[in-house]
Amino acid sequence: MQIQGKVVHIYDAEKKSDKFTVQEFVLQTADKFPQTILFQLSNDRVGKADSFLNAEAVVQFDVQGRKWQDPKTGKSKVFNTLSAWKVEAPEGSVLGAPQQFAQPMPTVAAMPTPMPSNDLPF
């Protein structure tokens, strides 16, 4: 899956074990109803979002879910993680370049309307 938006926050990396490090970042979409979405980078991908802070990015991600059962109460809960595996600049943009906004097209002068003619050759 992929989604595009602006990276609005990047959390510090957290070392969970000797072999597992994670870093979370927040992406805000520019939809009619903007969404604020938390993604997670892990291990060799940690730091991939750093250069996109306050910039547009396309995030490629997988949805991961796991069930957990509380050993004290026996109640189950499901946790979801949006695991980002690629963070890149949107197509046609250059990372670090100022955001380019489309300029309105110049107005074309109205073409004169030809006068109807009854002098048709056929």
N, C-alpha and C. Protein backbone atom coordinates (compact mmCIF):
# COMPACT_ATOMS: atom_id res chain seq x y z
N MET A 1 0.84 -1.17 0.00
CA MET A 1 0.00 0.00 0.00
C MET A 1 0.89 1.23 0.00
N GLN A 2 0.32 2.34 -0.43
CA GLN A 2 1.07 3.59 -0.38
C GLN A 2 0.14 4.75 -0.09
N ILE A 3 0.70 5.80 0.46
CA ILE A 3 -0.05 7.01 0.78
C ILE A 3 0.90 8.18 0.70
N GLN A 4 0.37 9.35 0.38
CA GLN A 4 1.19 10.55 0.27
C GLN A 4 0.69 11.59 1.27
N GLY A 5 1.62 12.33 1.83
CA GLY A 5 1.28 13.40 2.76
C GLY A 5 2.54 14.10 3.22
N LYS A 6 2.38 14.93 4.23
CA LYS A 6 3.49 15.70 4.78
C LYS A 6 3.93 15.06 6.09
N VAL A 7 5.23 14.83 6.22
CA VAL A 7 5.78 14.29 7.46
C VAL A 7 5.81 15.43 8.48
N VAL A 8 5.00 15.33 9.52
CA VAL A 8 4.86 16.43 10.47
C VAL A 8 5.60 16.19 11.79
N HIS A 9 5.99 14.95 12.06
CA HIS A 9 6.74 14.68 13.30
C HIS A 9 7.51 13.37 13.14
N ILE A 10 8.71 13.35 13.70
CA ILE A 10 9.53 12.14 13.72
C ILE A 10 9.98 11.92 15.15
N TYR A 11 9.69 10.74 15.67
CA TYR A 11 10.10 10.39 17.03
C TYR A 11 11.52 9.85 17.03
N ASP A 12 12.16 9.89 18.19
CA ASP A 12 13.49 9.31 18.33
C ASP A 12 13.40 7.80 18.17
N ALA A 13 14.48 7.21 17.67
CA ALA A 13 14.55 5.75 17.54
C ALA A 13 14.60 5.13 18.93
N GLU A 14 13.98 3.97 19.05
CA GLU A 14 13.97 3.24 20.32
C GLU A 14 14.54 1.84 20.10
N LYS A 15 15.54 1.50 20.89
CA LYS A 15 16.13 0.17 20.80
C LYS A 15 15.31 -0.75 21.72
N LYS A 16 14.57 -1.68 21.13
CA LYS A 16 13.71 -2.59 21.88
C LYS A 16 14.48 -3.81 22.38
N SER A 17 15.48 -4.24 21.62
CA SER A 17 16.35 -5.35 22.01
C SER A 17 17.65 -5.20 21.22
N ASP A 18 18.56 -6.16 21.42
CA ASP A 18 19.84 -6.11 20.69
C ASP A 18 19.65 -6.17 19.18
N LYS A 19 18.55 -6.81 18.75
CA LYS A 19 18.32 -7.01 17.32
C LYS A 19 17.13 -6.25 16.75
N PHE A 20 16.50 -5.41 17.56
CA PHE A 20 15.27 -4.76 17.09
C PHE A 20 15.22 -3.30 17.54
N THR A 21 15.21 -2.38 16.56
CA THR A 21 15.11 -0.94 16.80
C THR A 21 13.95 -0.41 15.97
N VAL A 22 13.17 0.50 16.55
CA VAL A 22 12.05 1.09 15.82
C VAL A 22 12.10 2.62 15.92
N GLN A 23 11.49 3.24 14.94
CA GLN A 23 11.32 4.69 14.92
C GLN A 23 9.95 4.97 14.32
N GLU A 24 9.18 5.83 14.98
CA GLU A 24 7.86 6.19 14.48
C GLU A 24 7.89 7.59 13.89
N PHE A 25 7.02 7.80 12.91
CA PHE A 25 6.85 9.15 12.35
C PHE A 25 5.39 9.35 12.00
N VAL A 26 4.99 10.62 11.91
CA VAL A 26 3.60 10.98 11.67
C VAL A 26 3.49 11.65 10.31
N LEU A 27 2.53 11.17 9.52
CA LEU A 27 2.25 11.71 8.19
C LEU A 27 0.85 12.31 8.22
N GLN A 28 0.69 13.51 7.68
CA GLN A 28 -0.63 14.12 7.59
C GLN A 28 -1.01 14.24 6.12
N THR A 29 -2.18 13.70 5.77
CA THR A 29 -2.63 13.75 4.38
C THR A 29 -3.27 15.10 4.09
N ALA A 30 -3.42 15.40 2.80
CA ALA A 30 -4.01 16.67 2.38
C ALA A 30 -5.39 16.43 1.78
N ASP A 31 -6.08 15.41 2.25
CA ASP A 31 -7.41 15.09 1.76
C ASP A 31 -8.43 16.12 2.24
N LYS A 32 -9.67 15.99 1.75
CA LYS A 32 -10.75 16.87 2.20
C LYS A 32 -10.88 16.79 3.72
N PHE A 33 -10.73 15.59 4.24
CA PHE A 33 -10.71 15.37 5.68
C PHE A 33 -9.33 14.82 6.02
N PRO A 34 -8.35 15.71 6.31
CA PRO A 34 -6.97 15.26 6.53
C PRO A 34 -6.87 14.20 7.63
N GLN A 35 -6.00 13.24 7.39
CA GLN A 35 -5.75 12.17 8.35
C GLN A 35 -4.34 12.32 8.91
N THR A 36 -4.19 12.05 10.19
CA THR A 36 -2.90 12.06 10.85
C THR A 36 -2.58 10.61 11.18
N ILE A 37 -1.53 10.08 10.54
CA ILE A 37 -1.27 8.64 10.57
C ILE A 37 0.12 8.37 11.13
N LEU A 38 0.19 7.41 12.07
CA LEU A 38 1.45 7.00 12.67
C LEU A 38 2.01 5.79 11.93
N PHE A 39 3.27 5.89 11.48
CA PHE A 39 3.97 4.79 10.82
C PHE A 39 5.17 4.38 11.65
N GLN A 40 5.62 3.16 11.44
CA GLN A 40 6.79 2.65 12.14
C GLN A 40 7.83 2.16 11.15
N LEU A 41 9.07 2.57 11.37
CA LEU A 41 10.22 2.06 10.63
C LEU A 41 10.98 1.14 11.57
N SER A 42 11.57 0.06 11.05
CA SER A 42 12.31 -0.83 11.94
C SER A 42 13.68 -1.18 11.36
N ASN A 43 14.58 -1.47 12.28
CA ASN A 43 15.95 -1.92 12.01
C ASN A 43 16.66 -1.09 10.96
N ASP A 44 17.01 -1.66 9.79
CA ASP A 44 17.80 -0.93 8.80
C ASP A 44 17.04 0.22 8.14
N ARG A 45 15.75 0.33 8.38
CA ARG A 45 14.95 1.41 7.80
C ARG A 45 14.85 2.63 8.72
N VAL A 46 15.29 2.49 9.96
CA VAL A 46 15.27 3.61 10.91
C VAL A 46 16.06 4.76 10.31
N GLY A 47 15.49 5.95 10.35
CA GLY A 47 16.14 7.15 9.82
C GLY A 47 15.73 7.48 8.40
N LYS A 48 15.00 6.60 7.72
CA LYS A 48 14.61 6.84 6.32
C LYS A 48 13.69 8.05 6.16
N ALA A 49 12.95 8.44 7.20
CA ALA A 49 12.03 9.57 7.10
C ALA A 49 12.67 10.89 7.53
N ASP A 50 13.87 10.83 8.12
CA ASP A 50 14.49 12.03 8.70
C ASP A 50 14.58 13.21 7.73
N SER A 51 14.92 12.97 6.50
CA SER A 51 15.09 14.07 5.54
C SER A 51 13.76 14.62 5.02
N PHE A 52 12.63 14.02 5.44
CA PHE A 52 11.32 14.46 4.95
C PHE A 52 10.55 15.28 5.98
N LEU A 53 11.15 15.60 7.11
CA LEU A 53 10.43 16.38 8.12
C LEU A 53 9.94 17.69 7.52
N ASN A 54 8.65 17.96 7.65
CA ASN A 54 7.98 19.15 7.10
C ASN A 54 7.98 19.17 5.57
N ALA A 55 8.07 18.01 4.95
CA ALA A 55 8.05 17.92 3.49
C ALA A 55 7.10 16.81 3.06
N GLU A 56 6.71 16.86 1.79
CA GLU A 56 5.85 15.83 1.21
C GLU A 56 6.64 14.55 1.02
N ALA A 57 5.96 13.43 1.25
CA ALA A 57 6.59 12.13 1.07
C ALA A 57 5.54 11.12 0.64
N VAL A 58 6.01 10.12 -0.08
CA VAL A 58 5.18 8.96 -0.41
C VAL A 58 5.70 7.82 0.45
N VAL A 59 4.79 7.20 1.20
CA VAL A 59 5.16 6.11 2.11
C VAL A 59 4.58 4.80 1.58
N GLN A 60 5.45 3.83 1.38
CA GLN A 60 5.03 2.47 1.02
C GLN A 60 5.01 1.70 2.35
N PHE A 61 3.92 0.97 2.61
CA PHE A 61 3.80 0.32 3.92
C PHE A 61 2.98 -0.95 3.84
N ASP A 62 3.12 -1.76 4.88
CA ASP A 62 2.33 -2.97 5.07
C ASP A 62 1.54 -2.80 6.36
N VAL A 63 0.35 -3.40 6.41
CA VAL A 63 -0.45 -3.41 7.63
C VAL A 63 -0.15 -4.72 8.34
N GLN A 64 0.26 -4.61 9.60
CA GLN A 64 0.54 -5.79 10.40
C GLN A 64 -0.36 -5.78 11.62
N GLY A 65 -0.87 -6.92 12.00
CA GLY A 65 -1.73 -7.03 13.16
C GLY A 65 -1.36 -8.23 14.00
N ARG A 66 -1.59 -8.12 15.28
CA ARG A 66 -1.33 -9.25 16.16
C ARG A 66 -2.32 -9.23 17.32
N LYS A 67 -2.65 -10.42 17.76
CA LYS A 67 -3.57 -10.57 18.88
C LYS A 67 -2.75 -10.77 20.16
N TRP A 68 -3.20 -10.15 21.24
CA TRP A 68 -2.53 -10.26 22.53
C TRP A 68 -3.57 -10.59 23.59
N GLN A 69 -3.22 -11.47 24.48
CA GLN A 69 -4.14 -11.84 25.55
C GLN A 69 -3.53 -11.44 26.89
N ASP A 70 -4.29 -10.67 27.66
CA ASP A 70 -3.84 -10.23 28.98
C ASP A 70 -3.76 -11.46 29.89
N PRO A 71 -2.57 -11.76 30.43
CA PRO A 71 -2.45 -12.95 31.26
C PRO A 71 -3.23 -12.86 32.58
N LYS A 72 -3.53 -11.65 33.04
CA LYS A 72 -4.26 -11.48 34.31
C LYS A 72 -5.76 -11.65 34.12
N THR A 73 -6.30 -11.05 33.05
CA THR A 73 -7.75 -11.07 32.87
C THR A 73 -8.21 -12.08 31.82
N GLY A 74 -7.31 -12.49 30.95
CA GLY A 74 -7.67 -13.39 29.88
C GLY A 74 -8.34 -12.70 28.69
N LYS A 75 -8.53 -11.39 28.78
CA LYS A 75 -9.15 -10.64 27.68
C LYS A 75 -8.15 -10.45 26.55
N SER A 76 -8.67 -10.53 25.33
CA SER A 76 -7.84 -10.38 24.14
C SER A 76 -7.97 -8.99 23.56
N LYS A 77 -6.91 -8.56 22.91
CA LYS A 77 -6.90 -7.28 22.22
C LYS A 77 -6.06 -7.45 20.95
N VAL A 78 -6.43 -6.72 19.91
CA VAL A 78 -5.69 -6.76 18.65
C VAL A 78 -4.97 -5.43 18.47
N PHE A 79 -3.69 -5.50 18.12
CA PHE A 79 -2.88 -4.32 17.85
C PHE A 79 -2.52 -4.30 16.38
N ASN A 80 -2.56 -3.11 15.77
CA ASN A 80 -2.18 -2.93 14.38
C ASN A 80 -0.96 -2.03 14.29
N THR A 81 -0.12 -2.30 13.32
CA THR A 81 1.05 -1.47 13.06
C THR A 81 1.11 -1.19 11.57
N LEU A 82 1.35 0.06 11.20
CA LEU A 82 1.58 0.42 9.81
C LEU A 82 3.10 0.46 9.65
N SER A 83 3.63 -0.59 9.08
CA SER A 83 5.06 -0.77 8.97
C SER A 83 5.56 -0.22 7.64
N ALA A 84 6.22 0.94 7.70
CA ALA A 84 6.74 1.59 6.49
C ALA A 84 8.00 0.87 6.03
N TRP A 85 8.09 0.60 4.75
CA TRP A 85 9.29 -0.03 4.22
C TRP A 85 9.99 0.84 3.18
N LYS A 86 9.33 1.93 2.77
CA LYS A 86 9.97 2.86 1.84
C LYS A 86 9.37 4.25 2.04
N VAL A 87 10.23 5.26 2.09
CA VAL A 87 9.81 6.66 2.19
C VAL A 87 10.58 7.39 1.11
N GLU A 88 9.83 8.05 0.20
CA GLU A 88 10.49 8.72 -0.92
C GLU A 88 9.76 10.00 -1.29
N ALA A 89 10.42 10.83 -2.07
CA ALA A 89 9.82 12.07 -2.56
C ALA A 89 8.74 11.73 -3.58
N PRO A 90 7.68 12.53 -3.63
CA PRO A 90 6.64 12.31 -4.66
C PRO A 90 7.25 12.42 -6.05
N GLU A 91 6.65 11.70 -7.00
CA GLU A 91 7.14 11.72 -8.38
C GLU A 91 7.17 13.16 -8.90
N GLY A 92 8.25 13.50 -9.54
CA GLY A 92 8.37 14.83 -10.14
C GLY A 92 8.91 15.89 -9.20
N SER A 93 9.20 15.52 -7.95
CA SER A 93 9.75 16.51 -7.02
C SER A 93 11.17 16.10 -6.66
N VAL A 94 11.91 17.07 -6.19
CA VAL A 94 13.29 16.83 -5.79
C VAL A 94 13.38 17.08 -4.30
N LEU A 95 13.90 16.11 -3.57
CA LEU A 95 14.04 16.24 -2.12
C LEU A 95 14.93 17.43 -1.81
N GLY A 96 14.46 18.28 -0.92
CA GLY A 96 15.22 19.43 -0.51
C GLY A 96 14.96 20.66 -1.38
N ALA A 97 14.30 20.49 -2.51
CA ALA A 97 13.99 21.63 -3.37
C ALA A 97 12.75 22.33 -2.83
N PRO A 98 12.65 23.64 -3.00
CA PRO A 98 11.44 24.32 -2.54
C PRO A 98 10.22 23.78 -3.26
N GLN A 99 9.12 23.76 -2.55
CA GLN A 99 7.87 23.24 -3.11
C GLN A 99 7.45 24.10 -4.30
N GLN A 100 7.19 23.49 -5.42
CA GLN A 100 6.75 24.20 -6.62
C GLN A 100 5.23 24.14 -6.68
N PHE A 101 4.60 25.26 -6.86
CA PHE A 101 3.15 25.30 -6.99
C PHE A 101 2.80 25.70 -8.41
N ALA A 102 1.77 25.10 -8.93
CA ALA A 102 1.36 25.37 -10.31
C ALA A 102 0.94 26.83 -10.45
N GLN A 103 1.42 27.46 -11.50
CA GLN A 103 1.03 28.83 -11.79
C GLN A 103 -0.22 28.80 -12.67
N PRO A 104 -1.14 29.76 -12.47
CA PRO A 104 -2.32 29.77 -13.33
C PRO A 104 -1.91 30.00 -14.78
N MET A 105 -2.62 29.38 -15.67
CA MET A 105 -2.33 29.56 -17.09
C MET A 105 -2.71 30.97 -17.51
N PRO A 106 -1.90 31.58 -18.37
CA PRO A 106 -2.24 32.92 -18.83
C PRO A 106 -3.54 32.89 -19.63
N THR A 107 -4.29 33.96 -19.50
CA THR A 107 -5.55 34.04 -20.22
C THR A 107 -5.28 34.31 -21.69
N VAL A 108 -5.90 33.53 -22.53
CA VAL A 108 -5.74 33.70 -23.96
C VAL A 108 -6.82 34.69 -24.41
N ALA A 109 -6.40 35.69 -25.20
CA ALA A 109 -7.36 36.69 -25.68
C ALA A 109 -8.44 35.98 -26.50
N ALA A 110 -9.65 36.45 -26.34
CA ALA A 110 -10.77 35.82 -27.06
C ALA A 110 -10.56 35.98 -28.56
N MET A 111 -10.75 34.89 -29.25
CA MET A 111 -10.62 34.90 -30.71
C MET A 111 -11.87 35.55 -31.28
N PRO A 112 -11.73 36.39 -32.31
CA PRO A 112 -12.91 36.98 -32.91
C PRO A 112 -13.78 35.89 -33.55
N THR A 113 -15.06 36.01 -33.36
CA THR A 113 -15.99 35.04 -33.92
C THR A 113 -16.21 35.38 -35.39
N PRO A 114 -16.00 34.41 -36.30
CA PRO A 114 -16.19 34.73 -37.71
C PRO A 114 -17.67 35.00 -38.00
N MET A 115 -17.88 35.91 -38.92
CA MET A 115 -19.25 36.25 -39.32
C MET A 115 -19.78 35.14 -40.23
N PRO A 116 -21.01 34.72 -40.04
CA PRO A 116 -21.56 33.70 -40.94
C PRO A 116 -21.64 34.24 -42.37
N SER A 117 -21.38 33.36 -43.28
CA SER A 117 -21.37 33.77 -44.68
C SER A 117 -22.30 32.86 -45.47
N ASN A 118 -23.04 33.47 -46.37
CA ASN A 118 -23.92 32.69 -47.23
C ASN A 118 -23.27 32.44 -48.59
N ASP A 119 -22.01 32.85 -48.72
CA ASP A 119 -21.28 32.68 -49.96
C ASP A 119 -20.53 31.34 -49.97
N LEU A 120 -21.22 30.27 -49.76
CA LEU A 120 -20.57 28.98 -49.73
C LEU A 120 -20.31 28.48 -51.15
N PRO A 121 -19.15 27.89 -51.38
CA PRO A 121 -18.83 27.46 -52.72
C PRO A 121 -19.53 26.16 -53.14
N PHE A 122 -20.30 25.53 -52.32
CA PHE A 122 -20.95 24.29 -52.71
C PHE A 122 -22.43 24.36 -52.58
